Every structure is written in C-alpha cells, then in structure tokens.
Amino acid sequence: PTYKESMKLISWEQKYNPLKSKFDAHEKSLPDKIWSWEKFFDEKDTEAAPAEIKAIIEKIPQERSKEESKQLIEHFKKHDSTYQALRKQVNELQRQRPRITTAMVLKERTEMRETHLLIKGDFTRPDKSMSPGVPKTLHPMETEGEANRLDLAKWITSPENPLTARVVMNRMWQQYFGNGIVETENDFGTQGSLPSNPALLDWLAVEFMESGWSMKQMHRLITQSTTYRQSSKFRQDLYDKDPRNLLLGRQNRVRLESEIVRDVALQASGLLEPSIGGASVHPPQPKGVMGLGQVQRSWKANQDEGRFRRGMYTFFWRATPHPALSVFDSPDAFSTCTRRIRSNTPLQALALLNDPAFHEMAEQFALLMLEQSVESDSARVTFGFKRCTSRLPDSDELKVMLEFISQQRKSTKSLDSIKQQKTVWLNVARVLLNLDETITRE
C-alpha cells in the first residue's frame, strides 16, 4: 500500500477494531444467555420456530449434541437485537474498508516442483532427484504426508531445535551491546567462536521461546536490565580484568545506525513524523545522485509529512542508495547482512553538515531554539544541547558554544538583524547535530 492508503487504512482500523472486538465478545457470550432465552420461550415462539429447533429445545442441555447446540445458537442470534445491531454495524464498516494496492507474492503449486542435486552447484548439470528433509544430526521433522514449508517452519521453531532461539537472541544482544554473546553471529558451527557466557545465551533462548517468541518482550527485557543501562565510561580496573569488555562490566559505546542517525536529527528538530507502517518515502538528497547508476532514475522528494518520516522508511535504490544511508554504513541490500560495520570517516561529518535533509532539519532546529521564551544565549544553547544529547552541557562545553556564537555574530555583522539571528543559530544547530555524542549511544 502507498503511504496515503496506509493512513486511510489505519484510520479505518481505529473505528473497526473496537467495534469488532465488542461484537466478538457479545457473540462469545451467547451460549451463556441461551438458558434464559429458553426459559421465556413461549407458545408463540414455539409455533414460529422450525421443527428441528423445537425438537432441540424439548431436550435438556446435557442431551444435546454439539451440532444441535450450534443450531440453537444460530437460531438465537436471529432473535437477539444486540447481536443483529452490532453485526449490521460491523458489516457496514467492512464495506467501507479502504481499497489498497495489492500484488501477488506467492501462489501454491498444485504439484511440487522436482528438485535435483546439482553437480558442483551447476544448475545446468542436475543429478539425482532430491526429496524435502533436514540434517540427520538434528531432531527429525514431523510431517503429515509429504513435507512442505509449514512442516519446515514448525521444525525451525520447535523447542527441540538447538539453534533458532539462540541465533535470534544472539543477534538481538549484538544489536544492543555491539557484539553478540557469540561473536561470529553468522557461524554457530565448529569454525565459529565460543560464547562468552553460554548460560546467559541459553537462558535468553528459553525465555524467548516461553514468551511465545515475542520479540517485543525480549527487547523490553534487555533494555530494562541493569546491564544495558550501565554507563559506558572507561574504567581502568575493568580494563585490567577484561580488556575487550566481553563480560560487560560496563556498557559499550557505539555509533548509531544510519537510519537512527536521521531519526535523532528529526526528533531534535521537532520534525519527526512518528506514524508507523506504510510505503517507503523519498526525503531530499543531493542533486545528481540518481545519475550515478547504470539506469537513469528520478528522485522526487516528498513534499508532505512523508518527507520527515523515520529513516527506516527511506526508499532504497540498490544501484544508487541514499547517500545519508550509505555514508553511515547501511547495508547495500545485495546480500544478507548479519552485522553492520561501524566506520568513522570525514564524509559522515560532511553529510551531517551539508546533506539537504540535514540542512533542512538544522534550519528547523534553529527556529526551535529561537522560539524559546528565554532571551539568553546560554539558555538556548542548553535547550538545544539537551535535545541532542539528553544531558545538560558542562561549563567548558557551554563556554565553547558561546564563543562560537560570538564569532558567528562577528562574521555575519553585515547582515540585517533578523537574517543574522537566523544564520547564527542555523550554524549552532549544525554544530549540535554534528556532535559525536549526538550520533553515539553512550
């Protein structure tokens, strides 16, 4: 679906879901109301009821079959005014459901395709026919008839599988701490590294499975832990005992991922559009980027709220990816990426200063600081610094920023007062968004 279609669908769901829940709850309560309905079932009702319903009512509930009880409930629904009213409202809203653009992704074949063992992996040299199966060294796959994708999915998520939950939890741990409990996150075999804390990895894996494979619950569990929330400040005593910090005596300091670097700048500037879901968007990017690919494409930047959506919604051309993503080590999307590299280059600072999207954010950020009711430079700097780093500046940092403002005013004194004010604070905003601490998880 497009972004606009998604917004319409979300609006519709906000009306439909509460009503559908109310309807489902009422329908679920109907079996408990049957007895009172039967109690007041008079002769007039009996005459109007079909013969099979009369026969069922004459029986005591314990003697009725499941099918008879179901028939009685269906008949009762026709006479329950609340049920009929709710059903009418639900059906009416279902007819109003916004249409969205669809595309067929998968279609089940009537006959399974024959698969062959390829000689030396060459698809032009098929050998003997192969049937679906799993490695014999692992637990067997339970099937009903010939094995299919559903059987494979159940096998992968089986409690007997020693790998799935461990691998998922190891990658989540890597996301929050920079390194996984098993450093070779893409190799749990004999060539991979041993876990730094096997008991912790197993505990996380079991907790993950017992939570119903809830990623949200595990994200919450890790981020609320004391281990995650500790400071990344260097300590000599910890370094002497554990130079690589494998046992996490302190938090690891890591640069934010490319999409989140954009999110931080959007949030600091007050431009972030926080809506969830929908199609990809096209934020501004430097001119000429799309001309670098073999196939010439156009990039029409969004002019609506999609312009300020989170980085994860940025449209990704594999041949010419958005520079603000590439420069901060976003994967190229040509192959699977299990770990993003973390580089530190001058291009990153230049992107934060000069990329059209970041420049636009800096302009809005400057206005945000100028709109503060306080008049003093130090108060405005403190406000902006806190929005970028989530802390107050110390005396030295504040002094440096105030000196910078003074220098900027001297270099722009030829401008009129309003334009000078905007220019000075635009440069302050660019500096704050370019701070190492702004794009680093401490």
Protein backbone atom coordinates (compact mmCIF):
# COMPACT_ATOMS: atom_id res chain seq x y z
CA PRO A 1 0.00 0.00 0.00
CA THR A 2 1.03 3.58 -0.57
CA TYR A 3 1.58 5.95 2.35
CA LYS A 4 -1.82 7.63 1.84
CA GLU A 5 -3.54 4.24 1.54
CA SER A 6 -1.88 3.12 4.77
CA MET A 7 -3.05 6.25 6.60
CA LYS A 8 -6.63 5.67 5.41
CA LEU A 9 -6.41 2.02 6.47
CA ILE A 10 -5.10 2.94 9.94
CA SER A 11 -7.95 5.44 10.36
CA TRP A 12 -10.47 2.78 9.34
CA GLU A 13 -8.95 0.19 11.70
CA GLN A 14 -9.24 2.63 14.62
CA LYS A 15 -13.01 2.60 14.07
CA TYR A 16 -13.40 -1.03 13.06
CA ASN A 17 -11.26 -2.88 15.62
CA PRO A 18 -13.07 -1.69 18.80
CA LEU A 19 -16.46 -2.44 17.22
CA LYS A 20 -15.32 -5.88 16.03
CA SER A 21 -13.97 -6.68 19.50
CA LYS A 22 -17.29 -5.68 21.04
CA PHE A 23 -19.17 -7.82 18.51
CA ASP A 24 -16.88 -10.84 19.11
CA ALA A 25 -17.25 -10.51 22.89
CA HIS A 26 -21.05 -10.42 22.60
CA GLU A 27 -21.07 -13.40 20.24
CA LYS A 28 -18.87 -15.33 22.66
CA SER A 29 -21.33 -14.65 25.49
CA LEU A 30 -24.36 -16.03 23.60
CA PRO A 31 -24.09 -19.65 24.84
CA ASP A 32 -24.43 -18.37 28.43
CA LYS A 33 -27.61 -16.49 27.51
CA ILE A 34 -29.38 -19.43 25.84
CA TRP A 35 -30.82 -20.78 29.10
CA SER A 36 -32.60 -17.50 29.95
CA TRP A 37 -33.93 -17.24 26.40
CA GLU A 38 -35.30 -20.81 26.60
CA LYS A 39 -36.88 -20.04 29.96
CA PHE A 40 -39.08 -17.34 28.42
CA PHE A 41 -39.68 -19.25 25.20
CA ASP A 42 -43.48 -19.03 24.96
CA GLU A 43 -46.03 -20.83 22.78
CA LYS A 44 -45.95 -18.11 20.14
CA ASP A 45 -42.18 -18.53 19.77
CA THR A 46 -42.58 -22.31 19.64
CA GLU A 47 -45.06 -22.11 16.78
CA ALA A 48 -42.81 -19.77 14.81
CA ALA A 49 -39.68 -21.88 15.33
CA PRO A 50 -38.65 -24.53 12.78
CA ALA A 51 -39.38 -28.15 13.67
CA GLU A 52 -35.71 -29.02 14.27
CA ILE A 53 -35.36 -26.12 16.75
CA LYS A 54 -38.49 -27.25 18.61
CA ALA A 55 -37.03 -30.74 18.89
CA ILE A 56 -33.76 -29.39 20.29
CA ILE A 57 -35.50 -27.16 22.86
CA GLU A 58 -37.50 -30.10 24.15
CA LYS A 59 -34.23 -31.83 25.10
CA ILE A 60 -32.33 -30.97 28.26
CA PRO A 61 -28.96 -29.26 27.54
CA GLN A 62 -26.93 -32.29 28.64
CA GLU A 63 -28.57 -34.48 25.96
CA ARG A 64 -27.91 -32.10 23.07
CA SER A 65 -25.10 -32.81 20.64
CA LYS A 66 -22.53 -30.15 19.69
CA GLU A 67 -24.23 -29.72 16.34
CA GLU A 68 -27.65 -29.22 17.99
CA SER A 69 -26.23 -26.64 20.41
CA LYS A 70 -24.68 -24.82 17.47
CA GLN A 71 -28.04 -24.83 15.63
CA LEU A 72 -29.78 -23.40 18.68
CA ILE A 73 -27.23 -20.59 18.99
CA GLU A 74 -27.60 -19.71 15.31
CA HIS A 75 -31.39 -19.53 15.75
CA PHE A 76 -30.98 -17.43 18.89
CA LYS A 77 -28.80 -14.94 17.00
CA LYS A 78 -31.73 -14.13 14.72
CA HIS A 79 -33.80 -13.04 17.73
CA ASP A 80 -31.04 -11.21 19.65
CA SER A 81 -31.44 -7.50 18.88
CA THR A 82 -28.00 -6.53 20.25
CA TYR A 83 -26.28 -9.15 18.10
CA GLN A 84 -28.15 -8.06 14.98
CA ALA A 85 -27.41 -4.36 15.58
CA LEU A 86 -23.68 -4.98 16.13
CA ARG A 87 -23.50 -7.29 13.14
CA LYS A 88 -25.10 -4.64 10.94
CA GLN A 89 -22.56 -2.04 12.08
CA VAL A 90 -19.63 -4.41 11.53
CA ASN A 91 -20.83 -5.35 8.03
CA GLU A 92 -21.32 -1.68 7.16
CA LEU A 93 -17.78 -0.81 8.26
CA GLN A 94 -16.36 -3.81 6.39
CA ARG A 95 -17.92 -2.46 3.20
CA GLN A 96 -16.21 0.88 3.87
CA ARG A 97 -12.73 -0.67 4.20
CA PRO A 98 -10.32 1.36 2.04
CA ARG A 99 -9.01 -0.41 -1.03
CA ILE A 100 -5.25 -0.83 -1.15
CA THR A 101 -2.87 -1.66 -3.97
CA THR A 102 -2.05 -5.38 -3.90
CA ALA A 103 0.46 -7.63 -5.61
CA MET A 104 0.69 -11.42 -5.67
CA VAL A 105 3.80 -12.59 -3.84
CA LEU A 106 3.30 -16.35 -3.56
CA LYS A 107 0.94 -18.92 -5.03
CA GLU A 108 0.89 -22.56 -4.01
CA ARG A 109 1.60 -25.01 -6.82
CA THR A 110 -0.78 -27.88 -7.44
CA GLU A 111 2.21 -30.20 -7.89
CA MET A 112 5.55 -29.87 -6.10
CA ARG A 113 8.45 -28.95 -8.36
CA GLU A 114 11.06 -31.69 -8.75
CA THR A 115 14.40 -30.72 -7.23
CA HIS A 116 17.76 -32.20 -8.20
CA LEU A 117 21.19 -32.38 -6.62
CA LEU A 118 23.38 -30.12 -8.77
CA ILE A 119 26.82 -31.39 -9.71
CA LYS A 120 29.33 -28.92 -8.23
CA GLY A 121 26.44 -26.49 -7.75
CA ASP A 122 25.98 -26.04 -11.51
CA PHE A 123 22.28 -25.67 -12.36
CA THR A 124 22.95 -26.92 -15.91
CA ARG A 125 24.14 -30.31 -14.54
CA PRO A 126 21.27 -31.77 -12.48
CA ASP A 127 21.89 -35.17 -10.90
CA LYS A 128 19.61 -37.39 -8.82
CA SER A 129 16.22 -36.18 -7.62
CA MET A 130 16.02 -34.92 -4.02
CA SER A 131 13.14 -35.00 -1.54
CA PRO A 132 12.49 -32.48 1.29
CA GLY A 133 14.36 -33.22 4.52
CA VAL A 134 16.53 -31.87 7.33
CA PRO A 135 20.05 -32.74 8.56
CA LYS A 136 20.04 -36.18 10.19
CA THR A 137 22.24 -34.93 13.04
CA LEU A 138 19.40 -32.69 14.25
CA HIS A 139 15.95 -33.61 15.53
CA PRO A 140 13.58 -35.19 12.96
CA MET A 141 10.91 -33.22 11.13
CA GLU A 142 7.34 -34.29 11.84
CA THR A 143 5.16 -34.29 8.73
CA GLU A 144 1.66 -35.15 7.64
CA GLY A 145 2.22 -36.67 4.23
CA GLU A 146 4.95 -35.12 2.07
CA ALA A 147 6.99 -32.43 3.82
CA ASN A 148 6.16 -28.81 2.94
CA ARG A 149 7.13 -25.30 4.02
CA LEU A 150 4.77 -25.35 7.01
CA ASP A 151 6.45 -28.50 8.31
CA LEU A 152 9.84 -26.81 7.89
CA ALA A 153 8.62 -23.71 9.77
CA LYS A 154 7.38 -25.88 12.65
CA TRP A 155 10.70 -27.75 12.68
CA ILE A 156 12.68 -24.49 12.79
CA THR A 157 10.63 -23.17 15.73
CA SER A 158 10.40 -26.49 17.56
CA PRO A 159 11.52 -26.41 21.24
CA GLU A 160 13.86 -29.26 20.30
CA ASN A 161 15.73 -27.07 17.81
CA PRO A 162 19.00 -26.01 19.49
CA LEU A 163 19.77 -23.15 17.10
CA THR A 164 16.89 -20.85 16.19
CA ALA A 165 16.21 -19.15 19.52
CA ARG A 166 19.94 -18.93 20.34
CA VAL A 167 20.77 -17.29 17.00
CA VAL A 168 17.90 -14.78 17.25
CA MET A 169 18.78 -13.81 20.82
CA ASN A 170 22.47 -13.55 19.99
CA ARG A 171 21.71 -11.07 17.20
CA MET A 172 19.42 -9.06 19.46
CA TRP A 173 22.19 -8.96 22.07
CA GLN A 174 24.61 -7.81 19.37
CA GLN A 175 22.21 -5.02 18.42
CA TYR A 176 22.22 -3.62 21.96
CA PHE A 177 25.80 -4.28 23.04
CA GLY A 178 27.82 -4.05 19.83
CA ASN A 179 28.95 -7.68 19.98
CA GLY A 180 26.98 -10.89 20.35
CA ILE A 181 27.50 -13.42 23.13
CA VAL A 182 28.82 -15.49 20.20
CA GLU A 183 30.96 -13.02 18.25
CA THR A 184 30.64 -14.94 14.98
CA GLU A 185 26.92 -14.19 14.76
CA ASN A 186 26.64 -15.84 11.33
CA ASP A 187 28.50 -19.02 12.28
CA PHE A 188 27.43 -21.18 15.21
CA GLY A 189 29.37 -24.16 13.87
CA THR A 190 32.76 -25.58 14.73
CA GLN A 191 34.54 -22.72 12.92
CA GLY A 192 32.72 -20.09 14.99
CA SER A 193 33.80 -18.57 18.29
CA LEU A 194 32.65 -19.93 21.64
CA PRO A 195 30.00 -17.97 23.58
CA SER A 196 31.39 -15.62 26.23
CA ASN A 197 28.51 -16.59 28.53
CA PRO A 198 26.83 -19.88 27.44
CA ALA A 199 24.42 -19.94 30.38
CA LEU A 200 23.14 -16.44 29.57
CA LEU A 201 22.61 -17.32 25.91
CA ASP A 202 20.66 -20.45 26.83
CA TRP A 203 18.58 -18.55 29.39
CA LEU A 204 17.68 -15.88 26.81
CA ALA A 205 16.79 -18.56 24.25
CA VAL A 206 14.47 -20.38 26.67
CA GLU A 207 12.92 -17.10 27.84
CA PHE A 208 12.31 -16.16 24.20
CA MET A 209 10.54 -19.45 23.41
CA GLU A 210 8.49 -19.42 26.61
CA SER A 211 7.34 -15.86 25.89
CA GLY A 212 5.68 -17.14 22.72
CA TRP A 213 8.58 -15.94 20.54
CA SER A 214 7.73 -12.34 21.49
CA MET A 215 10.43 -10.02 20.15
CA LYS A 216 8.82 -7.06 21.91
CA GLN A 217 9.04 -8.78 25.30
CA MET A 218 12.71 -9.61 24.79
CA HIS A 219 13.54 -6.06 23.64
CA ARG A 220 11.86 -4.78 26.78
CA LEU A 221 13.64 -7.34 28.97
CA ILE A 222 17.11 -6.41 27.68
CA THR A 223 16.64 -2.63 27.61
CA GLN A 224 15.28 -2.57 31.16
CA SER A 225 18.16 -4.66 32.51
CA THR A 226 20.89 -3.19 34.71
CA THR A 227 23.50 -4.49 32.25
CA TYR A 228 22.10 -2.46 29.37
CA ARG A 229 21.50 0.70 31.40
CA GLN A 230 25.00 0.96 32.89
CA SER A 231 27.45 3.66 31.82
CA SER A 232 29.96 3.13 29.01
CA LYS A 233 32.55 5.31 30.79
CA PHE A 234 36.03 3.77 30.68
CA ARG A 235 37.32 2.26 33.93
CA GLN A 236 40.92 1.13 34.34
CA ASP A 237 40.09 -1.59 36.88
CA LEU A 238 37.60 -3.21 34.49
CA TYR A 239 40.02 -2.88 31.59
CA ASP A 240 42.74 -4.70 33.53
CA LYS A 241 40.42 -7.65 34.17
CA ASP A 242 38.55 -7.74 30.85
CA PRO A 243 40.29 -5.65 28.13
CA ARG A 244 37.67 -6.42 25.47
CA ASN A 245 34.74 -5.98 27.85
CA LEU A 246 33.36 -9.40 26.87
CA LEU A 247 31.69 -9.80 30.26
CA LEU A 248 30.12 -6.33 30.05
CA GLY A 249 31.40 -4.79 33.25
CA ARG A 250 30.36 -1.55 31.55
CA GLN A 251 28.22 -0.68 28.52
CA ASN A 252 29.83 -0.48 25.07
CA ARG A 253 29.87 2.87 23.28
CA VAL A 254 28.60 2.50 19.70
CA ARG A 255 27.68 4.85 16.87
CA LEU A 256 24.00 4.79 15.92
CA GLU A 257 22.85 3.01 12.76
CA SER A 258 22.30 5.09 9.62
CA GLU A 259 18.51 5.18 9.87
CA ILE A 260 18.61 6.17 13.54
CA VAL A 261 21.10 8.98 12.86
CA ARG A 262 18.37 10.53 10.71
CA ASP A 263 15.73 9.84 13.37
CA VAL A 264 17.77 11.63 16.05
CA ALA A 265 18.12 14.74 13.89
CA LEU A 266 14.40 14.71 13.06
CA GLN A 267 13.48 14.35 16.72
CA ALA A 268 15.87 17.10 17.84
CA SER A 269 14.48 19.49 15.23
CA GLY A 270 10.86 18.69 16.09
CA LEU A 271 10.11 17.49 12.55
CA LEU A 272 9.77 13.74 13.16
CA GLU A 273 6.60 12.18 11.72
CA PRO A 274 6.14 9.19 14.09
CA SER A 275 3.45 7.24 12.19
CA ILE A 276 4.03 3.51 11.78
CA GLY A 277 3.65 1.46 8.60
CA GLY A 278 3.02 2.40 5.01
CA ALA A 279 5.04 2.69 1.84
CA SER A 280 8.60 3.97 1.53
CA VAL A 281 9.19 7.72 1.22
CA HIS A 282 11.65 9.95 -0.65
CA PRO A 283 13.37 12.50 1.61
CA PRO A 284 15.60 15.15 -0.02
CA GLN A 285 19.03 14.06 -1.23
CA PRO A 286 21.91 15.77 -3.09
CA LYS A 287 21.31 16.52 -6.77
CA GLY A 288 22.82 14.15 -9.32
CA VAL A 289 22.87 11.04 -7.12
CA MET A 290 20.39 9.13 -9.28
CA GLY A 291 22.54 9.79 -12.33
CA LEU A 292 25.34 7.64 -10.93
CA GLY A 293 23.54 4.35 -11.67
CA GLN A 294 23.56 2.48 -14.97
CA VAL A 295 19.82 3.05 -15.35
CA GLN A 296 18.79 6.70 -15.06
CA ARG A 297 16.10 7.19 -12.45
CA SER A 298 14.40 10.22 -10.94
CA TRP A 299 14.07 11.02 -7.24
CA LYS A 300 11.11 13.23 -6.45
CA ALA A 301 11.36 14.30 -2.82
CA ASN A 302 8.19 14.11 -0.77
CA GLN A 303 6.53 17.45 -0.07
CA ASP A 304 4.06 16.10 2.52
CA GLU A 305 4.59 14.68 6.02
CA GLY A 306 6.32 11.67 4.44
CA ARG A 307 9.36 13.93 3.99
CA PHE A 308 10.01 13.67 7.74
CA ARG A 309 9.34 10.01 8.37
CA ARG A 310 11.82 7.76 10.16
CA GLY A 311 14.93 6.58 8.34
CA MET A 312 13.70 3.00 8.04
CA TYR A 313 11.04 4.20 5.56
CA THR A 314 13.53 5.80 3.15
CA PHE A 315 13.17 4.26 -0.32
CA PHE A 316 16.23 2.17 -1.15
CA TRP A 317 17.62 2.02 -4.69
CA ARG A 318 20.27 -0.69 -4.62
CA ALA A 319 22.18 0.84 -7.55
CA THR A 320 22.16 4.35 -6.06
CA PRO A 321 21.23 4.22 -2.36
CA HIS A 322 20.53 7.42 -0.43
CA PRO A 323 23.96 8.93 0.45
CA ALA A 324 22.96 9.60 4.07
CA LEU A 325 22.37 5.86 4.48
CA SER A 326 25.49 4.69 2.66
CA VAL A 327 27.90 7.03 4.43
CA PHE A 328 26.77 5.66 7.80
CA ASP A 329 27.36 2.05 6.73
CA SER A 330 23.87 0.98 5.73
CA PRO A 331 23.94 -2.49 4.03
CA ASP A 332 23.92 -2.44 0.23
CA ALA A 333 20.91 -4.82 0.04
CA PHE A 334 22.68 -7.04 -2.50
CA SER A 335 23.39 -9.74 0.06
CA THR A 336 22.29 -10.74 3.54
CA CYS A 337 23.81 -8.64 6.32
CA THR A 338 24.07 -10.11 9.81
CA ARG A 339 26.30 -7.36 11.24
CA ARG A 340 26.73 -3.75 10.14
CA ILE A 341 30.23 -2.37 10.10
CA ARG A 342 30.88 0.82 12.09
CA SER A 343 33.22 3.31 10.46
CA ASN A 344 34.27 6.83 11.41
CA THR A 345 35.08 8.99 8.37
CA PRO A 346 35.17 12.71 7.44
CA LEU A 347 32.36 12.06 4.95
CA GLN A 348 30.00 11.46 7.85
CA ALA A 349 30.66 14.90 9.31
CA LEU A 350 30.26 16.47 5.86
CA ALA A 351 26.94 14.66 5.36
CA LEU A 352 25.62 15.94 8.69
CA LEU A 353 26.64 19.48 7.71
CA ASN A 354 25.71 19.63 4.04
CA ASP A 355 23.17 16.94 3.16
CA PRO A 356 19.96 18.77 2.08
CA ALA A 357 17.81 16.80 4.52
CA PHE A 358 20.10 17.51 7.49
CA HIS A 359 20.40 21.17 6.48
CA GLU A 360 16.59 21.42 6.47
CA MET A 361 16.47 19.82 9.92
CA ALA A 362 19.12 22.26 11.18
CA GLU A 363 17.04 25.20 9.92
CA GLN A 364 14.00 23.99 11.85
CA PHE A 365 16.15 23.20 14.89
CA ALA A 366 17.48 26.78 14.85
CA LEU A 367 13.92 28.16 14.79
CA LEU A 368 13.05 25.84 17.67
CA MET A 369 15.86 27.31 19.78
CA LEU A 370 14.92 30.87 18.81
CA GLU A 371 11.28 30.27 19.74
CA GLN A 372 12.21 29.62 23.36
CA SER A 373 10.80 32.25 25.70
CA VAL A 374 14.24 32.86 27.21
CA GLU A 375 16.44 35.51 25.63
CA SER A 376 19.89 34.45 26.84
CA ASP A 377 22.24 32.58 24.50
CA SER A 378 23.31 30.20 27.26
CA ALA A 379 19.71 29.11 27.93
CA ARG A 380 19.07 28.49 24.23
CA VAL A 381 22.31 26.55 23.84
CA THR A 382 21.42 24.48 26.91
CA PHE A 383 18.00 23.73 25.42
CA GLY A 384 19.47 22.64 22.08
CA PHE A 385 22.31 20.67 23.66
CA LYS A 386 19.88 18.72 25.82
CA ARG A 387 17.65 17.88 22.83
CA CYS A 388 20.65 16.39 21.02
CA THR A 389 22.47 14.60 23.84
CA SER A 390 19.80 14.14 26.56
CA ARG A 391 22.02 15.92 29.08
CA LEU A 392 23.00 19.45 30.10
CA PRO A 393 26.30 20.89 28.81
CA ASP A 394 29.09 21.33 31.32
CA SER A 395 30.73 24.72 31.87
CA ASP A 396 33.53 24.12 29.32
CA GLU A 397 31.11 22.97 26.62
CA LEU A 398 28.84 25.94 27.25
CA LYS A 399 31.82 28.31 27.08
CA VAL A 400 32.93 26.89 23.72
CA MET A 401 29.43 27.24 22.25
CA LEU A 402 29.05 30.83 23.48
CA GLU A 403 32.43 31.74 21.97
CA PHE A 404 31.30 30.14 18.70
CA ILE A 405 28.12 32.26 18.73
CA SER A 406 30.20 35.39 19.33
CA GLN A 407 32.46 34.53 16.37
CA GLN A 408 29.45 33.88 14.14
CA ARG A 409 27.93 37.25 15.00
CA LYS A 410 31.17 38.99 14.07
CA SER A 411 31.39 37.19 10.73
CA THR A 412 27.74 37.95 9.86
CA LYS A 413 27.54 41.56 11.10
CA SER A 414 26.93 42.80 7.55
CA LEU A 415 23.52 41.08 7.51
CA ASP A 416 20.35 42.67 8.87
CA SER A 417 19.48 41.69 12.45
CA ILE A 418 16.77 39.12 11.62
CA LYS A 419 18.80 37.33 8.94
CA GLN A 420 21.90 37.45 11.14
CA GLN A 421 19.99 35.86 14.04
CA LYS A 422 18.75 33.01 11.83
CA THR A 423 22.18 32.43 10.27
CA VAL A 424 23.98 32.34 13.62
CA TRP A 425 21.56 29.87 15.16
CA LEU A 426 21.46 27.77 12.00
CA ASN A 427 25.20 27.26 12.38
CA VAL A 428 24.74 26.48 16.08
CA ALA A 429 22.15 23.85 15.13
CA ARG A 430 24.51 22.34 12.54
CA VAL A 431 27.26 22.07 15.15
CA LEU A 432 24.98 20.41 17.71
CA LEU A 433 23.65 17.90 15.17
CA ASN A 434 27.25 17.15 14.16
CA LEU A 435 28.45 16.33 17.68
CA ASP A 436 29.92 12.87 18.10
CA GLU A 437 27.74 12.41 21.17
CA THR A 438 24.58 13.21 19.17
CA ILE A 439 25.04 10.19 16.92
CA THR A 440 26.54 7.87 19.54
CA ARG A 441 24.83 5.58 22.04
CA GLU A 442 26.82 6.23 25.21
